Amino acid sequence: MAEKFEETAIIIRQEEIADDIYSMWLHTDQIAAHAKAGQFVSVYCNDGSRLLPRPISICEIDKKDGAIRLVYRVAGKGTAEFSGMHTGAQLHIVGPLGNGFPKKEKKAFLIGGGIGIPPMLQLAKELNCEKQIVLGFRDELFLMDEFKKQGKVYVATEDGSAGTEGNVLDAIRENGLDAEIIYACGPMPMLRALKEYAEKNHIECWISMEERMACGIGACLACVCQSKEKDAHSNVKNKRICKEGPVFRAEEVEF
């Protein structure tokens, strides 16, 4: 895992890009320079009554200007606080945390579902291969213009309002797509289905797991998932998503 830094970041700009989905660009002194696609940051509330940080995946990295983009959903009081902040406001953040995606030159599926879509954008920008981007939404679309600059985009929506009606695998099948490697982030049912699909079709598969976290640095064991091998830290068949993950080879973990 890369070296992590504790910083006071400054909001460059923030906007709502879909219903309760916000895009925030932050200036950082060190985190942007060291961050990789698939990593996350822990963001602390300015309200002292909320002690635990909120883990948010990094959507984009601008190393030249020392900035990172976070795209997040308002899901509680902490993220609601963030959504009300404006240009020039300060946030205490720690990062980059976790392990990022490996980058291989193979024909790839980049698959995102829901709020697992944003972290796939930086990966799409960094990969040097044939990219097929498959995005699953409930209904309202977001980040489409950014993804279309990086490769061919296929969309699935639960209500059928755009693209394929159904899920990301429905979109893959409807469009007759194939790949040599899968990179994915999204809700557990989606990741479970992709793991089975990859095993059946003998495709290398890397998944980024979404999980509630507390410390974000591997000390509290609040975000463990079951693994095939014993973890050296706990000596049980667990992996800490914040430390050994959030990116895993699909067959490493059981869910």
Protein backbone atom coordinates (compact mmCIF):
# COMPACT_ATOMS: atom_id res chain seq x y z
CA MET A 1 0.00 0.00 0.00
CA ALA A 2 1.24 3.50 -0.81
CA GLU A 3 2.36 5.97 1.82
CA LYS A 4 -0.56 7.87 3.33
CA PHE A 5 -0.79 11.53 4.28
CA GLU A 6 -2.95 13.58 6.65
CA GLU A 7 -3.89 16.91 5.14
CA THR A 8 -6.19 19.89 5.26
CA ALA A 9 -7.63 19.94 1.76
CA ILE A 10 -9.33 22.94 0.18
CA ILE A 11 -12.49 22.63 -1.92
CA ILE A 12 -11.82 23.92 -5.43
CA ARG A 13 -15.41 23.46 -6.60
CA GLN A 14 -18.45 21.31 -5.90
CA GLU A 15 -21.68 20.61 -7.77
CA GLU A 16 -24.62 18.24 -7.68
CA ILE A 17 -24.40 16.08 -10.83
CA ALA A 18 -27.46 13.88 -10.19
CA ASP A 19 -30.08 13.55 -7.48
CA ASP A 20 -28.08 13.43 -4.21
CA ILE A 21 -24.84 12.71 -6.14
CA TYR A 22 -22.13 15.34 -5.68
CA SER A 23 -18.81 16.00 -7.40
CA MET A 24 -16.13 17.68 -5.30
CA TRP A 25 -12.65 18.70 -6.46
CA LEU A 26 -10.12 19.10 -3.62
CA HIS A 27 -6.65 20.63 -3.65
CA THR A 28 -4.14 18.52 -1.73
CA ASP A 29 -0.42 18.94 -1.07
CA GLN A 30 0.57 15.25 -1.14
CA ILE A 31 -2.37 12.90 -1.72
CA ALA A 32 -2.91 13.69 -5.39
CA ALA A 33 0.77 13.13 -6.14
CA HIS A 34 0.72 9.62 -4.65
CA ALA A 35 -2.83 8.40 -5.40
CA LYS A 36 -3.64 5.54 -7.79
CA ALA A 37 -6.84 4.44 -9.50
CA GLY A 38 -8.94 2.36 -7.10
CA GLN A 39 -7.73 3.96 -3.87
CA PHE A 40 -9.84 6.04 -1.49
CA VAL A 41 -9.56 8.79 1.11
CA SER A 42 -11.03 9.15 4.58
CA VAL A 43 -12.86 12.48 4.92
CA TYR A 44 -13.53 13.90 8.38
CA CYS A 45 -16.54 16.02 9.25
CA ASN A 46 -15.99 19.51 10.62
CA ASP A 47 -18.84 18.83 13.06
CA GLY A 48 -17.01 17.42 16.07
CA SER A 49 -19.98 15.25 17.08
CA ARG A 50 -19.21 12.95 14.13
CA LEU A 51 -15.87 11.39 15.00
CA LEU A 52 -15.44 8.69 12.37
CA PRO A 53 -14.31 9.62 8.85
CA ARG A 54 -16.30 8.83 5.72
CA PRO A 55 -14.43 6.67 3.18
CA ILE A 56 -14.87 8.01 -0.37
CA SER A 57 -13.33 6.53 -3.51
CA ILE A 58 -11.14 8.71 -5.67
CA CYS A 59 -12.87 9.44 -8.97
CA GLU A 60 -10.14 11.43 -10.75
CA ILE A 61 -6.56 12.47 -10.01
CA ASP A 62 -4.94 15.64 -11.33
CA LYS A 63 -1.27 15.25 -10.39
CA LYS A 64 -0.21 18.37 -12.27
CA ASP A 65 -2.43 20.70 -10.24
CA GLY A 66 -2.43 18.64 -7.03
CA ALA A 67 -6.13 17.83 -6.99
CA ILE A 68 -8.44 14.87 -6.56
CA ARG A 69 -12.09 14.50 -7.48
CA LEU A 70 -14.54 12.77 -5.16
CA VAL A 71 -17.98 11.79 -6.43
CA TYR A 72 -20.24 10.63 -3.62
CA ARG A 73 -23.85 10.00 -2.69
CA VAL A 74 -25.48 11.76 0.25
CA ALA A 75 -26.26 8.83 2.53
CA GLY A 76 -26.28 10.31 6.04
CA LYS A 77 -25.41 13.33 8.17
CA GLY A 78 -21.70 13.25 7.33
CA THR A 79 -22.06 13.30 3.55
CA ALA A 80 -24.94 15.78 3.93
CA GLU A 81 -22.49 18.09 5.69
CA PHE A 82 -19.98 17.72 2.84
CA SER A 83 -22.64 18.47 0.22
CA GLY A 84 -23.36 21.86 1.80
CA MET A 85 -19.76 23.05 1.60
CA HIS A 86 -18.51 25.53 -0.99
CA THR A 87 -15.36 26.68 -2.76
CA GLY A 88 -12.62 27.61 -0.30
CA ALA A 89 -13.91 25.48 2.56
CA GLN A 90 -11.47 23.12 4.25
CA LEU A 91 -11.71 19.41 4.97
CA HIS A 92 -9.44 17.16 7.00
CA ILE A 93 -8.59 14.09 4.90
CA VAL A 94 -6.27 11.09 5.08
CA GLY A 95 -5.05 9.17 2.05
CA PRO A 96 -4.44 7.68 -0.35
CA LEU A 97 -5.70 4.50 1.35
CA GLY A 98 -6.06 0.91 0.23
CA ASN A 99 -4.70 -0.81 -2.86
CA GLY A 100 -5.51 0.28 -6.38
CA PHE A 101 -6.27 -1.70 -9.52
CA PRO A 102 -3.47 -3.48 -11.40
CA LYS A 103 -3.11 -2.15 -14.94
CA LYS A 104 -2.74 -4.78 -17.63
CA GLU A 105 -2.74 -4.48 -21.40
CA LYS A 106 -5.62 -6.85 -22.07
CA LYS A 107 -9.00 -6.32 -23.70
CA ALA A 108 -10.96 -5.10 -20.69
CA PHE A 109 -14.38 -4.68 -19.18
CA LEU A 110 -14.56 -1.69 -16.85
CA ILE A 111 -17.77 -2.23 -14.92
CA GLY A 112 -19.31 0.15 -12.41
CA GLY A 113 -22.61 -0.04 -10.59
CA GLY A 114 -24.27 2.80 -8.68
CA ILE A 115 -21.82 4.75 -6.55
CA GLY A 116 -19.19 2.19 -7.63
CA ILE A 117 -19.13 3.98 -10.99
CA PRO A 118 -16.93 7.00 -10.04
CA PRO A 119 -13.71 5.11 -9.15
CA MET A 120 -13.73 3.45 -12.58
CA LEU A 121 -13.17 6.79 -14.30
CA GLN A 122 -9.55 7.28 -13.23
CA LEU A 123 -8.83 3.65 -14.14
CA ALA A 124 -10.34 4.22 -17.58
CA LYS A 125 -8.01 7.20 -18.04
CA GLU A 126 -4.92 5.22 -17.03
CA LEU A 127 -5.45 1.91 -18.85
CA ASN A 128 -3.62 1.44 -22.13
CA CYS A 129 -5.79 -1.22 -23.73
CA GLU A 130 -9.07 -1.82 -25.54
CA LYS A 131 -11.71 -0.65 -23.06
CA GLN A 132 -15.40 -1.54 -22.93
CA ILE A 133 -17.06 0.49 -20.21
CA VAL A 134 -20.28 -0.99 -18.80
CA LEU A 135 -22.19 1.16 -16.30
CA GLY A 136 -25.22 0.16 -14.28
CA PHE A 137 -27.61 2.82 -12.97
CA ARG A 138 -30.87 2.71 -11.08
CA ASP A 139 -32.34 5.40 -13.36
CA GLU A 140 -30.59 8.79 -13.55
CA LEU A 141 -27.24 8.80 -15.41
CA PHE A 142 -24.11 10.68 -14.33
CA LEU A 143 -20.46 11.03 -15.48
CA MET A 144 -21.42 9.89 -18.98
CA ASP A 145 -19.54 12.64 -20.84
CA GLU A 146 -16.34 11.86 -18.95
CA PHE A 147 -16.55 8.11 -19.59
CA LYS A 148 -17.34 8.53 -23.29
CA LYS A 149 -13.96 10.24 -23.74
CA GLN A 150 -12.23 7.07 -22.50
CA GLY A 151 -13.85 4.28 -24.52
CA LYS A 152 -17.07 2.72 -25.77
CA VAL A 153 -19.77 3.00 -23.10
CA TYR A 154 -22.67 0.59 -22.57
CA VAL A 155 -25.41 1.42 -20.10
CA ALA A 156 -27.89 -0.66 -18.12
CA THR A 157 -30.73 0.86 -16.09
CA GLU A 158 -33.09 -0.92 -13.74
CA ASP A 159 -36.12 0.85 -15.20
CA GLY A 160 -35.04 0.63 -18.84
CA SER A 161 -34.99 4.41 -19.24
CA ALA A 162 -31.57 4.25 -20.93
CA GLY A 163 -29.56 1.49 -22.57
CA THR A 164 -30.34 -2.10 -21.61
CA GLU A 165 -33.13 -2.74 -19.15
CA GLY A 166 -31.61 -4.77 -16.32
CA ASN A 167 -28.06 -5.05 -14.98
CA VAL A 168 -24.52 -4.86 -16.32
CA LEU A 169 -24.43 -8.53 -17.31
CA ASP A 170 -27.64 -8.03 -19.28
CA ALA A 171 -25.89 -5.20 -21.15
CA ILE A 172 -22.85 -7.40 -21.85
CA ARG A 173 -25.02 -10.20 -23.22
CA GLU A 174 -27.33 -7.93 -25.23
CA ASN A 175 -24.36 -6.30 -26.96
CA GLY A 176 -22.41 -9.54 -27.49
CA LEU A 177 -19.35 -8.27 -25.62
CA ASP A 178 -16.30 -10.23 -24.50
CA ALA A 179 -13.06 -9.43 -22.68
CA GLU A 180 -9.85 -10.90 -21.29
CA ILE A 181 -9.98 -9.07 -17.95
CA ILE A 182 -12.66 -7.52 -15.74
CA TYR A 183 -12.27 -4.51 -13.46
CA ALA A 184 -15.36 -3.80 -11.38
CA CYS A 185 -16.72 -1.78 -8.47
CA GLY A 186 -20.28 -1.76 -7.19
CA PRO A 187 -22.81 -3.37 -4.89
CA MET A 188 -22.24 -6.89 -3.60
CA PRO A 189 -24.91 -8.64 -5.74
CA MET A 190 -23.27 -7.22 -8.86
CA LEU A 191 -19.78 -8.30 -7.78
CA ARG A 192 -21.03 -11.77 -6.88
CA ALA A 193 -22.60 -12.17 -10.32
CA LEU A 194 -19.45 -10.92 -12.04
CA LYS A 195 -17.28 -13.32 -10.06
CA GLU A 196 -19.45 -16.24 -11.22
CA TYR A 197 -19.43 -14.93 -14.81
CA ALA A 198 -15.63 -14.61 -14.77
CA GLU A 199 -15.14 -18.11 -13.39
CA LYS A 200 -17.50 -19.62 -15.95
CA ASN A 201 -15.80 -17.83 -18.84
CA HIS A 202 -12.21 -18.12 -17.52
CA ILE A 203 -11.69 -14.35 -17.36
CA GLU A 204 -9.27 -12.64 -14.98
CA CYS A 205 -11.36 -10.53 -12.60
CA TRP A 206 -10.48 -7.74 -10.17
CA ILE A 207 -13.15 -6.28 -7.91
CA SER A 208 -13.28 -3.26 -5.62
CA MET A 209 -15.49 -3.97 -2.63
CA GLU A 210 -17.71 -1.36 -1.03
CA GLU A 211 -18.04 -1.69 2.73
CA ARG A 212 -18.74 0.43 5.79
CA MET A 213 -15.44 1.36 7.45
CA ALA A 214 -14.42 2.88 10.75
CA CYS A 215 -10.71 3.59 11.04
CA GLY A 216 -9.85 3.15 7.34
CA ILE A 217 -6.31 1.94 8.14
CA GLY A 218 -6.83 -1.71 9.10
CA ALA A 219 -6.69 -1.42 12.88
CA CYS A 220 -10.31 -1.92 13.96
CA LEU A 221 -11.36 -4.94 11.82
CA ALA A 222 -14.77 -3.37 11.17
CA CYS A 223 -14.64 -3.95 7.41
CA VAL A 224 -13.46 -7.54 7.07
CA CYS A 225 -14.63 -9.91 4.36
CA GLN A 226 -14.20 -13.67 4.20
CA SER A 227 -11.17 -14.91 2.26
CA LYS A 228 -9.82 -18.22 1.06
CA GLU A 229 -6.46 -17.77 2.79
CA LYS A 230 -5.69 -16.83 6.39
CA ASP A 231 -4.88 -13.20 7.03
CA ALA A 232 -1.45 -12.73 8.64
CA HIS A 233 -2.83 -9.93 10.83
CA SER A 234 -5.76 -11.82 12.41
CA ASN A 235 -4.78 -15.45 11.61
CA VAL A 236 -8.31 -16.18 10.39
CA LYS A 237 -9.80 -16.36 6.91
CA ASN A 238 -10.55 -12.67 6.70
CA LYS A 239 -9.30 -9.74 4.65
CA ARG A 240 -9.55 -6.11 5.75
CA ILE A 241 -11.18 -4.23 2.90
CA CYS A 242 -9.56 -0.93 3.86
CA LYS A 243 -6.06 -2.43 4.11
CA GLU A 244 -5.71 -5.52 1.90
CA GLY A 245 -8.37 -4.10 -0.43
CA PRO A 246 -10.55 -2.49 -1.49
CA VAL A 247 -9.32 -4.13 -4.71
CA PHE A 248 -9.03 -7.92 -4.70
CA ARG A 249 -8.58 -10.66 -7.26
CA ALA A 250 -12.13 -12.06 -7.30
CA GLU A 251 -11.15 -15.59 -6.31
CA GLU A 252 -9.32 -14.30 -3.19
CA VAL A 253 -12.56 -13.43 -1.40
CA GLU A 254 -15.80 -15.22 -0.54
CA PHE A 255 -19.12 -13.36 -0.51
